Amino acid sequence: MPDGKEADVRANQRTQPVTGINVLRWELGNELRTLRLAAGKSIADAAKWLECSDAKISRMENGQRGAVARDVRDLCKLYGVPAQRRDQLMGLSREAVAADNATSPTIAAKFSTYLALETQARSVRNFEASFVPGLLQTELYARETITHNGEVEDVEDVEQRVQMRMDRQKRIWGEENLLQAHFIIDENVIWRPAGVDPRTRAMREEQIDRLIRATFLEHVTLQIVPYTAGFYQGMEGSTIYLLNLDSGPKSSSACYIEGVFRELFMRSHSEIASIAGKFEAMSEIALSPAGTRKFLMRLLRGNYEHWSSARPTGSAGLGKVAMS
């Protein structure tokens, strides 16, 4: 159980009005899972007790759906939970339902949960195959990607998402409660947009400049996986987040994977360890942080070395491609 100070911190976090995210549902699900395992019960046992499907129990424990107070009460009875703790969990379920009702419909439920967990994390490891990490994006780059992702058409919703992204960045570019962050990005990210017109070229140069500035932050590690690395472990993941959590959910870590066709949380230790292993392998074959800074500075000066200009060993060498 958390001590008084830790409990006060968690209570304060819950009162912060963060639009579109709900960490309470995740907290409740995690607690129900912990209680079930401690009671020696299976998902099937819980489902039989509630007269529901195994999938419903699994989704409740993963934070993918809320647990109504009645279900919490009945599960606590099955798990032998004391009355005082039962009442606390029932209250938490009501708070989670209220937060769900206030959630923005434009933010996917699973990513909403990720955002909430990120506010409580002490460190993050993030791999991106297609876009600059959201925590490092310029406002112009963020607006461009959000506008063209095919999900949001309303200008107001676009601006809401942009502001949310900028608010998240305070833990990278601010002065307090800084997030230890390790970013790995595929070189492909740097070439999009390729500066095919003055507007996109300016956006790209501004974004590269911001990435360079990020390499000077003590709490940030930035690496680029160059084309010369060829195929590598983890490149199949469009977006990977690995969080180490500070307080809140009892789980010490969480892994979130996002792509066009899937959004999922890895919950088991073995799953998270597998993804973490791939992240470590990518770190080993990527450019070093110092090498990444040199690479970005070379690009900003206009000395572009694109994979399409590569020559076989023994030829005239790499050609320079000025994307303008």
C-alpha atoms as a PDB file:
ATOM      1  CA  MET A   1       0.000   0.000   0.000  1.00  0.00           C
ATOM      2  CA  PRO A   2       1.286   3.527  -0.749  1.00  0.00           C
ATOM      3  CA  ASP A   3       2.327   5.688   2.189  1.00  0.00           C
ATOM      4  CA  GLY A   4       0.503   8.931   2.991  1.00  0.00           C
ATOM      5  CA  LYS A   5       2.688  11.133   0.834  1.00  0.00           C
ATOM      6  CA  GLU A   6       2.383   8.810  -2.150  1.00  0.00           C
ATOM      7  CA  ALA A   7      -1.380   8.602  -1.701  1.00  0.00           C
ATOM      8  CA  ASP A   8      -1.608  12.400  -1.652  1.00  0.00           C
ATOM      9  CA  VAL A   9       0.355  12.598  -4.900  1.00  0.00           C
ATOM     10  CA  ARG A  10      -1.974  10.112  -6.559  1.00  0.00           C
ATOM     11  CA  ALA A  11      -5.058  11.912  -5.280  1.00  0.00           C
ATOM     12  CA  ASN A  12      -3.718  15.204  -6.630  1.00  0.00           C
ATOM     13  CA  GLN A  13      -3.007  13.619 -10.020  1.00  0.00           C
ATOM     14  CA  ARG A  14      -6.576  12.397 -10.255  1.00  0.00           C
ATOM     15  CA  THR A  15      -7.965  15.885  -9.719  1.00  0.00           C
ATOM     16  CA  GLN A  16      -5.990  17.372 -12.599  1.00  0.00           C
ATOM     17  CA  PRO A  17      -8.417  18.107 -15.473  1.00  0.00           C
ATOM     18  CA  VAL A  18      -6.685  16.420 -18.424  1.00  0.00           C
ATOM     19  CA  THR A  19      -9.059  16.323 -21.392  1.00  0.00           C
ATOM     20  CA  GLY A  20      -9.447  13.049 -23.218  1.00  0.00           C
ATOM     21  CA  ILE A  21      -7.515  10.669 -20.974  1.00  0.00           C
ATOM     22  CA  ASN A  22      -8.559   8.218 -18.293  1.00  0.00           C
ATOM     23  CA  VAL A  23      -5.937   6.583 -16.116  1.00  0.00           C
ATOM     24  CA  LEU A  24      -8.537   5.607 -13.515  1.00  0.00           C
ATOM     25  CA  ARG A  25      -9.903   2.789 -15.667  1.00  0.00           C
ATOM     26  CA  TRP A  26      -6.396   1.390 -16.063  1.00  0.00           C
ATOM     27  CA  GLU A  27      -5.735   1.679 -12.323  1.00  0.00           C
ATOM     28  CA  LEU A  28      -8.956  -0.102 -11.452  1.00  0.00           C
ATOM     29  CA  GLY A  29      -8.363  -2.887 -13.957  1.00  0.00           C
ATOM     30  CA  ASN A  30      -4.835  -3.416 -12.725  1.00  0.00           C
ATOM     31  CA  GLU A  31      -6.068  -3.641  -9.137  1.00  0.00           C
ATOM     32  CA  LEU A  32      -8.788  -6.139 -10.028  1.00  0.00           C
ATOM     33  CA  ARG A  33      -6.227  -8.298 -11.836  1.00  0.00           C
ATOM     34  CA  THR A  34      -3.877  -8.175  -8.821  1.00  0.00           C
ATOM     35  CA  LEU A  35      -6.692  -9.151  -6.463  1.00  0.00           C
ATOM     36  CA  ARG A  36      -7.781 -12.017  -8.712  1.00  0.00           C
ATOM     37  CA  LEU A  37      -4.285 -13.470  -8.890  1.00  0.00           C
ATOM     38  CA  ALA A  38      -3.819 -13.075  -5.141  1.00  0.00           C
ATOM     39  CA  ALA A  39      -7.068 -14.997  -4.599  1.00  0.00           C
ATOM     40  CA  GLY A  40      -5.878 -17.793  -6.895  1.00  0.00           C
ATOM     41  CA  LYS A  41      -8.748 -17.277  -9.329  1.00  0.00           C
ATOM     42  CA  SER A  42      -8.633 -17.539 -13.117  1.00  0.00           C
ATOM     43  CA  ILE A  43     -10.292 -15.268 -15.660  1.00  0.00           C
ATOM     44  CA  ALA A  44     -12.720 -18.111 -16.303  1.00  0.00           C
ATOM     45  CA  ASP A  45     -13.590 -18.231 -12.577  1.00  0.00           C
ATOM     46  CA  ALA A  46     -14.336 -14.508 -12.550  1.00  0.00           C
ATOM     47  CA  ALA A  47     -16.379 -14.713 -15.746  1.00  0.00           C
ATOM     48  CA  LYS A  48     -18.448 -17.587 -14.365  1.00  0.00           C
ATOM     49  CA  TRP A  49     -19.064 -15.621 -11.149  1.00  0.00           C
ATOM     50  CA  LEU A  50     -20.310 -12.562 -13.068  1.00  0.00           C
ATOM     51  CA  GLU A  51     -22.091 -14.719 -15.657  1.00  0.00           C
ATOM     52  CA  CYS A  52     -20.262 -12.973 -18.494  1.00  0.00           C
ATOM     53  CA  SER A  53     -17.626 -13.795 -21.103  1.00  0.00           C
ATOM     54  CA  ASP A  54     -13.921 -14.260 -20.415  1.00  0.00           C
ATOM     55  CA  ALA A  55     -13.322 -11.395 -22.866  1.00  0.00           C
ATOM     56  CA  LYS A  56     -15.239  -8.964 -20.652  1.00  0.00           C
ATOM     57  CA  ILE A  57     -13.036  -9.773 -17.653  1.00  0.00           C
ATOM     58  CA  SER A  58      -9.901  -9.466 -19.765  1.00  0.00           C
ATOM     59  CA  ARG A  59     -10.957  -6.082 -21.161  1.00  0.00           C
ATOM     60  CA  MET A  60     -11.826  -4.830 -17.676  1.00  0.00           C
ATOM     61  CA  GLU A  61      -8.411  -5.830 -16.338  1.00  0.00           C
ATOM     62  CA  ASN A  62      -6.591  -4.326 -19.329  1.00  0.00           C
ATOM     63  CA  GLY A  63      -8.375  -1.010 -18.882  1.00  0.00           C
ATOM     64  CA  GLN A  64     -10.030  -1.329 -22.287  1.00  0.00           C
ATOM     65  CA  ARG A  65     -13.494  -1.042 -20.772  1.00  0.00           C
ATOM     66  CA  GLY A  66     -14.813   0.270 -17.513  1.00  0.00           C
ATOM     67  CA  ALA A  67     -15.949  -1.864 -14.616  1.00  0.00           C
ATOM     68  CA  VAL A  68     -19.269  -0.722 -13.174  1.00  0.00           C
ATOM     69  CA  ALA A  69     -19.578  -0.531  -9.409  1.00  0.00           C
ATOM     70  CA  ARG A  70     -21.851  -3.584  -9.274  1.00  0.00           C
ATOM     71  CA  ASP A  71     -19.272  -5.767 -11.040  1.00  0.00           C
ATOM     72  CA  VAL A  72     -16.535  -4.464  -8.760  1.00  0.00           C
ATOM     73  CA  ARG A  73     -18.645  -5.308  -5.702  1.00  0.00           C
ATOM     74  CA  ASP A  74     -19.312  -8.848  -6.924  1.00  0.00           C
ATOM     75  CA  LEU A  75     -15.690  -9.508  -7.882  1.00  0.00           C
ATOM     76  CA  CYS A  76     -14.504  -8.263  -4.508  1.00  0.00           C
ATOM     77  CA  LYS A  77     -16.808 -10.773  -2.882  1.00  0.00           C
ATOM     78  CA  LEU A  78     -15.295 -13.570  -4.986  1.00  0.00           C
ATOM     79  CA  TYR A  79     -11.754 -12.443  -4.160  1.00  0.00           C
ATOM     80  CA  GLY A  80     -12.399 -12.011  -0.444  1.00  0.00           C
ATOM     81  CA  VAL A  81     -11.626  -8.284  -0.422  1.00  0.00           C
ATOM     82  CA  PRO A  82     -12.300  -6.441   2.873  1.00  0.00           C
ATOM     83  CA  ALA A  83     -15.325  -4.126   2.888  1.00  0.00           C
ATOM     84  CA  GLN A  84     -13.309  -0.896   3.216  1.00  0.00           C
ATOM     85  CA  ARG A  85     -11.109  -1.725   0.200  1.00  0.00           C
ATOM     86  CA  ARG A  86     -14.195  -2.876  -1.734  1.00  0.00           C
ATOM     87  CA  ASP A  87     -15.891   0.475  -1.160  1.00  0.00           C
ATOM     88  CA  GLN A  88     -12.751   2.327  -2.289  1.00  0.00           C
ATOM     89  CA  LEU A  89     -12.649   0.356  -5.523  1.00  0.00           C
ATOM     90  CA  MET A  90     -16.342   0.915  -6.140  1.00  0.00           C
ATOM     91  CA  GLY A  91     -15.739   4.642  -5.716  1.00  0.00           C
ATOM     92  CA  LEU A  92     -12.835   4.440  -8.157  1.00  0.00           C
ATOM     93  CA  SER A  93     -15.099   2.713 -10.692  1.00  0.00           C
ATOM     94  CA  ARG A  94     -17.594   5.581 -10.473  1.00  0.00           C
ATOM     95  CA  GLU A  95     -14.781   8.111 -10.985  1.00  0.00           C
ATOM     96  CA  ALA A  96     -13.593   6.143 -14.027  1.00  0.00           C
ATOM     97  CA  VAL A  97     -17.079   6.129 -15.546  1.00  0.00           C
ATOM     98  CA  ALA A  98     -17.356   9.897 -15.031  1.00  0.00           C
ATOM     99  CA  ALA A  99     -13.955  10.410 -16.687  1.00  0.00           C
ATOM    100  CA  ASP A 100     -14.996   8.206 -19.608  1.00  0.00           C
ATOM    101  CA  ASN A 101     -18.080  10.350 -20.142  1.00  0.00           C
ATOM    102  CA  ALA A 102     -15.852  13.418 -20.352  1.00  0.00           C
ATOM    103  CA  THR A 103     -13.411  11.841 -22.827  1.00  0.00           C
ATOM    104  CA  SER A 104     -13.015  13.477 -26.233  1.00  0.00           C
ATOM    105  CA  PRO A 105     -14.512  11.220 -28.937  1.00  0.00           C
ATOM    106  CA  THR A 106     -11.619  12.094 -31.270  1.00  0.00           C
ATOM    107  CA  ILE A 107      -9.016  10.376 -29.059  1.00  0.00           C
ATOM    108  CA  ALA A 108      -8.801   6.579 -29.286  1.00  0.00           C
ATOM    109  CA  ALA A 109      -9.536   4.919 -25.948  1.00  0.00           C
ATOM    110  CA  LYS A 110      -6.282   2.955 -25.787  1.00  0.00           C
ATOM    111  CA  PHE A 111      -4.147   5.949 -26.688  1.00  0.00           C
ATOM    112  CA  SER A 112      -6.063   7.979 -24.095  1.00  0.00           C
ATOM    113  CA  THR A 113      -4.952   5.430 -21.523  1.00  0.00           C
ATOM    114  CA  TYR A 114      -1.371   5.643 -22.792  1.00  0.00           C
ATOM    115  CA  LEU A 115      -1.414   9.444 -22.455  1.00  0.00           C
ATOM    116  CA  ALA A 116      -2.620   9.157 -18.892  1.00  0.00           C
ATOM    117  CA  LEU A 117       0.114   6.673 -18.038  1.00  0.00           C
ATOM    118  CA  GLU A 118       2.709   8.926 -19.634  1.00  0.00           C
ATOM    119  CA  THR A 119       1.813  11.704 -17.185  1.00  0.00           C
ATOM    120  CA  GLN A 120       2.794   9.355 -14.343  1.00  0.00           C
ATOM    121  CA  ALA A 121       5.858   7.760 -15.946  1.00  0.00           C
ATOM    122  CA  ARG A 122       9.401   8.518 -14.850  1.00  0.00           C
ATOM    123  CA  SER A 123      10.941   7.387 -18.162  1.00  0.00           C
ATOM    124  CA  VAL A 124       9.928   6.475 -21.701  1.00  0.00           C
ATOM    125  CA  ARG A 125      11.553   4.615 -24.589  1.00  0.00           C
ATOM    126  CA  ASN A 126       9.951   5.431 -27.934  1.00  0.00           C
ATOM    127  CA  PHE A 127      10.618   4.015 -31.410  1.00  0.00           C
ATOM    128  CA  GLU A 128       9.121   5.653 -34.490  1.00  0.00           C
ATOM    129  CA  ALA A 129       9.314   4.276 -38.040  1.00  0.00           C
ATOM    130  CA  SER A 130       7.272   6.944 -39.844  1.00  0.00           C
ATOM    131  CA  PHE A 131       6.989  10.146 -37.818  1.00  0.00           C
ATOM    132  CA  VAL A 132       9.042  12.337 -35.536  1.00  0.00           C
ATOM    133  CA  PRO A 133       8.185  11.363 -31.935  1.00  0.00           C
ATOM    134  CA  GLY A 134       5.243  13.417 -30.693  1.00  0.00           C
ATOM    135  CA  LEU A 135       7.251  14.644 -27.701  1.00  0.00           C
ATOM    136  CA  LEU A 136       9.810  16.209 -30.072  1.00  0.00           C
ATOM    137  CA  GLN A 137       7.569  17.583 -32.814  1.00  0.00           C
ATOM    138  CA  THR A 138       7.362  21.267 -33.678  1.00  0.00           C
ATOM    139  CA  GLU A 139       3.893  22.760 -33.597  1.00  0.00           C
ATOM    140  CA  LEU A 140       3.897  23.103 -37.393  1.00  0.00           C
ATOM    141  CA  TYR A 141       4.940  19.488 -37.913  1.00  0.00           C
ATOM    142  CA  ALA A 142       2.340  18.282 -35.389  1.00  0.00           C
ATOM    143  CA  ARG A 143      -0.456  20.222 -37.067  1.00  0.00           C
ATOM    144  CA  GLU A 144       0.531  18.864 -40.481  1.00  0.00           C
ATOM    145  CA  THR A 145       0.573  15.215 -39.391  1.00  0.00           C
ATOM    146  CA  ILE A 146      -2.674  15.499 -37.409  1.00  0.00           C
ATOM    147  CA  THR A 147      -4.434  17.235 -40.295  1.00  0.00           C
ATOM    148  CA  HIS A 148      -3.416  14.568 -42.804  1.00  0.00           C
ATOM    149  CA  ASN A 149      -3.905  11.418 -40.726  1.00  0.00           C
ATOM    150  CA  GLY A 150      -7.397  10.903 -42.133  1.00  0.00           C
ATOM    151  CA  GLU A 151      -9.109  10.760 -38.743  1.00  0.00           C
ATOM    152  CA  VAL A 152      -9.792  14.387 -37.871  1.00  0.00           C
ATOM    153  CA  GLU A 153     -11.597  16.827 -40.134  1.00  0.00           C
ATOM    154  CA  ASP A 154     -12.864  19.469 -37.724  1.00  0.00           C
ATOM    155  CA  VAL A 155     -10.439  22.371 -37.261  1.00  0.00           C
ATOM    156  CA  GLU A 156     -11.282  22.631 -33.582  1.00  0.00           C
ATOM    157  CA  ASP A 157     -10.423  18.960 -33.014  1.00  0.00           C
ATOM    158  CA  VAL A 158      -7.129  19.413 -34.863  1.00  0.00           C
ATOM    159  CA  GLU A 159      -6.182  22.326 -32.628  1.00  0.00           C
ATOM    160  CA  GLN A 160      -7.209  20.380 -29.530  1.00  0.00           C
ATOM    161  CA  ARG A 161      -4.871  17.559 -30.506  1.00  0.00           C
ATOM    162  CA  VAL A 162      -2.039  19.929 -31.340  1.00  0.00           C
ATOM    163  CA  GLN A 163      -2.394  21.628 -27.957  1.00  0.00           C
ATOM    164  CA  MET A 164      -2.478  18.264 -26.189  1.00  0.00           C
ATOM    165  CA  ARG A 165       0.769  17.311 -27.926  1.00  0.00           C
ATOM    166  CA  MET A 166       2.394  20.596 -26.980  1.00  0.00           C
ATOM    167  CA  ASP A 167       1.265  20.142 -23.356  1.00  0.00           C
ATOM    168  CA  ARG A 168       2.863  16.682 -23.266  1.00  0.00           C
ATOM    169  CA  GLN A 169       6.158  18.211 -24.383  1.00  0.00           C
ATOM    170  CA  LYS A 170       6.471  20.261 -21.194  1.00  0.00           C
ATOM    171  CA  ARG A 171       8.096  17.225 -19.573  1.00  0.00           C
ATOM    172  CA  ILE A 172      10.784  17.302 -22.268  1.00  0.00           C
ATOM    173  CA  TRP A 173      11.328  21.029 -22.762  1.00  0.00           C
ATOM    174  CA  GLY A 174      10.220  22.313 -19.352  1.00  0.00           C
ATOM    175  CA  GLU A 175      12.122  22.809 -16.110  1.00  0.00           C
ATOM    176  CA  GLU A 176      10.274  20.551 -13.652  1.00  0.00           C
ATOM    177  CA  ASN A 177       9.181  16.917 -13.505  1.00  0.00           C
ATOM    178  CA  LEU A 178      11.315  16.086 -16.543  1.00  0.00           C
ATOM    179  CA  LEU A 179      10.817  12.779 -18.294  1.00  0.00           C
ATOM    180  CA  GLN A 180      13.872  10.629 -18.941  1.00  0.00           C
ATOM    181  CA  ALA A 181      13.425   9.808 -22.618  1.00  0.00           C
ATOM    182  CA  HIS A 182      15.202   7.590 -25.134  1.00  0.00           C
ATOM    183  CA  PHE A 183      14.028   8.031 -28.731  1.00  0.00           C
ATOM    184  CA  ILE A 184      14.997   5.855 -31.678  1.00  0.00           C
ATOM    185  CA  ILE A 185      13.768   6.844 -35.122  1.00  0.00           C
ATOM    186  CA  ASP A 186      14.232   5.286 -38.542  1.00  0.00           C
ATOM    187  CA  GLU A 187      16.093   7.446 -41.056  1.00  0.00           C
ATOM    188  CA  ASN A 188      12.929   7.333 -43.152  1.00  0.00           C
ATOM    189  CA  VAL A 189      11.375   9.756 -40.646  1.00  0.00           C
ATOM    190  CA  ILE A 190      13.930  12.445 -41.476  1.00  0.00           C
ATOM    191  CA  TRP A 191      13.139  12.369 -45.189  1.00  0.00           C
ATOM    192  CA  ARG A 192       9.422  12.989 -44.791  1.00  0.00           C
ATOM    193  CA  PRO A 193       8.489  15.625 -45.735  1.00  0.00           C
ATOM    194  CA  ALA A 194      11.413  15.854 -48.161  1.00  0.00           C
ATOM    195  CA  GLY A 195      11.120  19.593 -48.724  1.00  0.00           C
ATOM    196  CA  VAL A 196       9.463  19.398 -52.122  1.00  0.00           C
ATOM    197  CA  ASP A 197       8.234  22.988 -51.894  1.00  0.00           C
ATOM    198  CA  PRO A 198       9.241  26.053 -49.833  1.00  0.00           C
ATOM    199  CA  ARG A 199       6.595  25.447 -47.149  1.00  0.00           C
ATOM    200  CA  THR A 200       7.412  21.792 -46.492  1.00  0.00           C
ATOM    201  CA  ARG A 201      11.134  22.472 -46.758  1.00  0.00           C
ATOM    202  CA  ALA A 202      10.858  25.146 -44.065  1.00  0.00           C
ATOM    203  CA  MET A 203       8.812  22.781 -41.889  1.00  0.00           C
ATOM    204  CA  ARG A 204      11.396  20.024 -42.313  1.00  0.00           C
ATOM    205  CA  GLU A 205      14.349  22.295 -41.532  1.00  0.00           C
ATOM    206  CA  GLU A 206      12.600  23.645 -38.419  1.00  0.00           C
ATOM    207  CA  GLN A 207      11.935  20.083 -37.281  1.00  0.00           C
ATOM    208  CA  ILE A 208      15.525  18.953 -37.857  1.00  0.00           C
ATOM    209  CA  ASP A 209      16.753  21.980 -35.902  1.00  0.00           C
ATOM    210  CA  ARG A 210      14.513  20.987 -32.993  1.00  0.00           C
ATOM    211  CA  LEU A 211      15.841  17.425 -33.057  1.00  0.00           C
ATOM    212  CA  ILE A 212      19.379  18.786 -32.890  1.00  0.00           C
ATOM    213  CA  ARG A 213      18.450  20.891 -29.855  1.00  0.00           C
ATOM    214  CA  ALA A 214      16.968  17.786 -28.223  1.00  0.00           C
ATOM    215  CA  THR A 215      20.351  16.038 -28.465  1.00  0.00           C
ATOM    216  CA  PHE A 216      21.776  18.627 -26.054  1.00  0.00           C
ATOM    217  CA  LEU A 217      19.216  17.854 -23.321  1.00  0.00           C
ATOM    218  CA  GLU A 218      20.731  15.795 -20.509  1.00  0.00           C
ATOM    219  CA  HIS A 219      17.560  13.789 -19.937  1.00  0.00           C
ATOM    220  CA  VAL A 220      17.071  12.917 -23.631  1.00  0.00           C
ATOM    221  CA  THR A 221      18.806  10.299 -25.758  1.00  0.00           C
ATOM    222  CA  LEU A 222      18.127  10.452 -29.489  1.00  0.00           C
ATOM    223  CA  GLN A 223      19.335   7.894 -32.033  1.00  0.00           C
ATOM    224  CA  ILE A 224      18.696   7.383 -35.736  1.00  0.00           C
ATOM    225  CA  VAL A 225      18.742   3.970 -37.409  1.00  0.00           C
ATOM    226  CA  PRO A 226      20.402   4.692 -40.777  1.00  0.00           C
ATOM    227  CA  TYR A 227      19.450   3.026 -44.050  1.00  0.00           C
ATOM    228  CA  THR A 228      22.846   1.341 -44.012  1.00  0.00           C
ATOM    229  CA  ALA A 229      21.656  -0.799 -41.084  1.00  0.00           C
ATOM    230  CA  GLY A 230      19.452  -2.739 -43.512  1.00  0.00           C
ATOM    231  CA  PHE A 231      16.675  -4.841 -41.969  1.00  0.00           C
ATOM    232  CA  TYR A 232      16.655  -4.876 -38.181  1.00  0.00           C
ATOM    233  CA  GLN A 233      14.717  -6.149 -35.165  1.00  0.00           C
ATOM    234  CA  GLY A 234      11.751  -3.954 -34.266  1.00  0.00           C
ATOM    235  CA  MET A 235      11.370  -2.221 -37.613  1.00  0.00           C
ATOM    236  CA  GLU A 236       8.023  -3.981 -38.032  1.00  0.00           C
ATOM    237  CA  GLY A 237       6.619  -1.780 -35.267  1.00  0.00           C
ATOM    238  CA  SER A 238       5.297   1.549 -36.517  1.00  0.00           C
ATOM    239  CA  THR A 239       5.259   3.096 -33.040  1.00  0.00           C
ATOM    240  CA  ILE A 240       6.508   1.553 -29.809  1.00  0.00           C
ATOM    241  CA  TYR A 241       6.302   3.085 -26.336  1.00  0.00           C
ATOM    242  CA  LEU A 242       7.903   1.499 -23.275  1.00  0.00           C
ATOM    243  CA  LEU A 243       7.053   3.264 -20.013  1.00  0.00           C
ATOM    244  CA  ASN A 244       8.522   2.913 -16.554  1.00  0.00           C
ATOM    245  CA  LEU A 245       5.813   4.089 -14.209  1.00  0.00           C
ATOM    246  CA  ASP A 246       6.366   6.106 -11.092  1.00  0.00           C
ATOM    247  CA  SER A 247       3.118   5.939  -9.156  1.00  0.00           C
ATOM    248  CA  GLY A 248      -0.461   5.026  -9.863  1.00  0.00           C
ATOM    249  CA  PRO A 249      -0.876   1.599 -11.447  1.00  0.00           C
ATOM    250  CA  LYS A 250       0.915  -1.130  -9.539  1.00  0.00           C
ATOM    251  CA  SER A 251       2.512  -2.470 -12.717  1.00  0.00           C
ATOM    252  CA  SER A 252       6.073  -1.132 -12.890  1.00  0.00           C
ATOM    253  CA  SER A 253       6.081  -0.953 -16.670  1.00  0.00           C
ATOM    254  CA  ALA A 254       3.783  -0.764 -19.664  1.00  0.00           C
ATOM    255  CA  CYS A 255       4.217  -1.204 -23.409  1.00  0.00           C
ATOM    256  CA  TYR A 256       1.967   0.391 -26.005  1.00  0.00           C
ATOM    257  CA  ILE A 257       2.170  -0.359 -29.732  1.00  0.00           C
ATOM    258  CA  GLU A 258       0.369   1.808 -32.262  1.00  0.00           C
ATOM    259  CA  GLY A 259      -0.164   1.546 -36.000  1.00  0.00           C
ATOM    260  CA  VAL A 260      -2.770   2.022 -38.705  1.00  0.00           C
ATOM    261  CA  PHE A 261      -4.307  -1.400 -38.136  1.00  0.00           C
ATOM    262  CA  ARG A 262      -3.664  -2.040 -34.465  1.00  0.00           C
ATOM    263  CA  GLU A 263      -3.428  -0.437 -31.069  1.00  0.00           C
ATOM    264  CA  LEU A 264      -2.593  -2.660 -28.150  1.00  0.00           C
ATOM    265  CA  PHE A 265      -1.020  -2.812 -24.734  1.00  0.00           C
ATOM    266  CA  MET A 266       1.460  -5.503 -23.811  1.00  0.00           C
ATOM    267  CA  ARG A 267       0.759  -6.530 -20.235  1.00  0.00           C
ATOM    268  CA  SER A 268       2.720  -9.682 -19.445  1.00  0.00           C
ATOM    269  CA  HIS A 269       6.317  -9.499 -18.286  1.00  0.00           C
ATOM    270  CA  SER A 270       7.480 -11.736 -21.123  1.00  0.00           C
ATOM    271  CA  GLU A 271       5.781  -9.593 -23.786  1.00  0.00           C
ATOM    272  CA  ILE A 272       7.243  -6.369 -22.430  1.00  0.00           C
ATOM    273  CA  ALA A 273      10.671  -7.981 -22.081  1.00  0.00           C
ATOM    274  CA  SER A 274      10.519  -9.109 -25.712  1.00  0.00           C
ATOM    275  CA  ILE A 275       9.741  -5.612 -26.983  1.00  0.00           C
ATOM    276  CA  ALA A 276      12.360  -4.098 -24.671  1.00  0.00           C
ATOM    277  CA  GLY A 277      14.889  -6.544 -26.102  1.00  0.00           C
ATOM    278  CA  LYS A 278      14.101  -5.357 -29.623  1.00  0.00           C
ATOM    279  CA  PHE A 279      14.457  -1.748 -28.522  1.00  0.00           C
ATOM    280  CA  GLU A 280      17.870  -2.546 -27.058  1.00  0.00           C
ATOM    281  CA  ALA A 281      18.899  -4.276 -30.297  1.00  0.00           C
ATOM    282  CA  MET A 282      17.844  -1.197 -32.275  1.00  0.00           C
ATOM    283  CA  SER A 283      19.871   1.001 -29.935  1.00  0.00           C
ATOM    284  CA  GLU A 284      22.976  -1.072 -30.637  1.00  0.00           C
ATOM    285  CA  ILE A 285      22.745  -0.805 -34.444  1.00  0.00           C
ATOM    286  CA  ALA A 286      21.580   2.840 -34.519  1.00  0.00           C
ATOM    287  CA  LEU A 287      23.913   5.800 -34.765  1.00  0.00           C
ATOM    288  CA  SER A 288      25.279   6.860 -31.382  1.00  0.00           C
ATOM    289  CA  PRO A 289      23.753   9.996 -29.833  1.00  0.00           C
ATOM    290  CA  ALA A 290      26.835  11.961 -30.920  1.00  0.00           C
ATOM    291  CA  GLY A 291      26.712  10.405 -34.379  1.00  0.00           C
ATOM    292  CA  THR A 292      23.021  11.240 -34.617  1.00  0.00           C
ATOM    293  CA  ARG A 293      23.719  14.888 -33.821  1.00  0.00           C
ATOM    294  CA  LYS A 294      26.412  15.050 -36.516  1.00  0.00           C
ATOM    295  CA  PHE A 295      24.076  13.387 -39.000  1.00  0.00           C
ATOM    296  CA  LEU A 296      21.303  15.897 -38.314  1.00  0.00           C
ATOM    297  CA  MET A 297      23.649  18.869 -38.472  1.00  0.00           C
ATOM    298  CA  ARG A 298      24.932  17.662 -41.838  1.00  0.00           C
ATOM    299  CA  LEU A 299      21.365  17.454 -43.127  1.00  0.00           C
ATOM    300  CA  LEU A 300      20.561  20.931 -41.870  1.00  0.00           C
ATOM    301  CA  ARG A 301      23.550  22.319 -43.754  1.00  0.00           C
ATOM    302  CA  GLY A 302      22.140  20.843 -46.968  1.00  0.00           C
ATOM    303  CA  ASN A 303      24.563  17.935 -47.361  1.00  0.00           C
ATOM    304  CA  TYR A 304      21.888  15.325 -47.978  1.00  0.00           C
ATOM    305  CA  GLU A 305      23.008  11.713 -48.414  1.00  0.00           C
ATOM    306  CA  HIS A 306      19.930   9.745 -49.369  1.00  0.00           C
ATOM    307  CA  TRP A 307      19.798   5.953 -49.743  1.00  0.00           C
ATOM    308  CA  SER A 308      18.838   6.351 -53.422  1.00  0.00           C
ATOM    309  CA  SER A 309      22.207   7.931 -54.120  1.00  0.00           C
ATOM    310  CA  ALA A 310      24.230   5.053 -52.623  1.00  0.00           C
ATOM    311  CA  ARG A 311      26.920   3.487 -54.804  1.00  0.00           C
ATOM    312  CA  PRO A 312      28.479   0.009 -54.614  1.00  0.00           C
ATOM    313  CA  THR A 313      31.754  -0.294 -52.734  1.00  0.00           C
ATOM    314  CA  GLY A 314      34.655   0.938 -54.854  1.00  0.00           C
ATOM    315  CA  SER A 315      32.564   3.388 -56.876  1.00  0.00           C
ATOM    316  CA  ALA A 316      32.663   7.155 -56.717  1.00  0.00           C
ATOM    317  CA  GLY A 317      30.931   7.040 -53.315  1.00  0.00           C
ATOM    318  CA  LEU A 318      27.730   8.596 -52.068  1.00  0.00           C
ATOM    319  CA  GLY A 319      26.083  11.276 -54.126  1.00  0.00           C
ATOM    320  CA  LYS A 320      24.664  14.431 -52.605  1.00  0.00           C
ATOM    321  CA  VAL A 321      20.961  14.976 -53.037  1.00  0.00           C
ATOM    322  CA  ALA A 322      19.619  18.442 -52.313  1.00  0.00           C
ATOM    323  CA  MET A 323      15.888  18.116 -51.651  1.00  0.00           C
ATOM    324  CA  SER A 324      14.419  21.473 -52.582  1.00  0.00           C
END
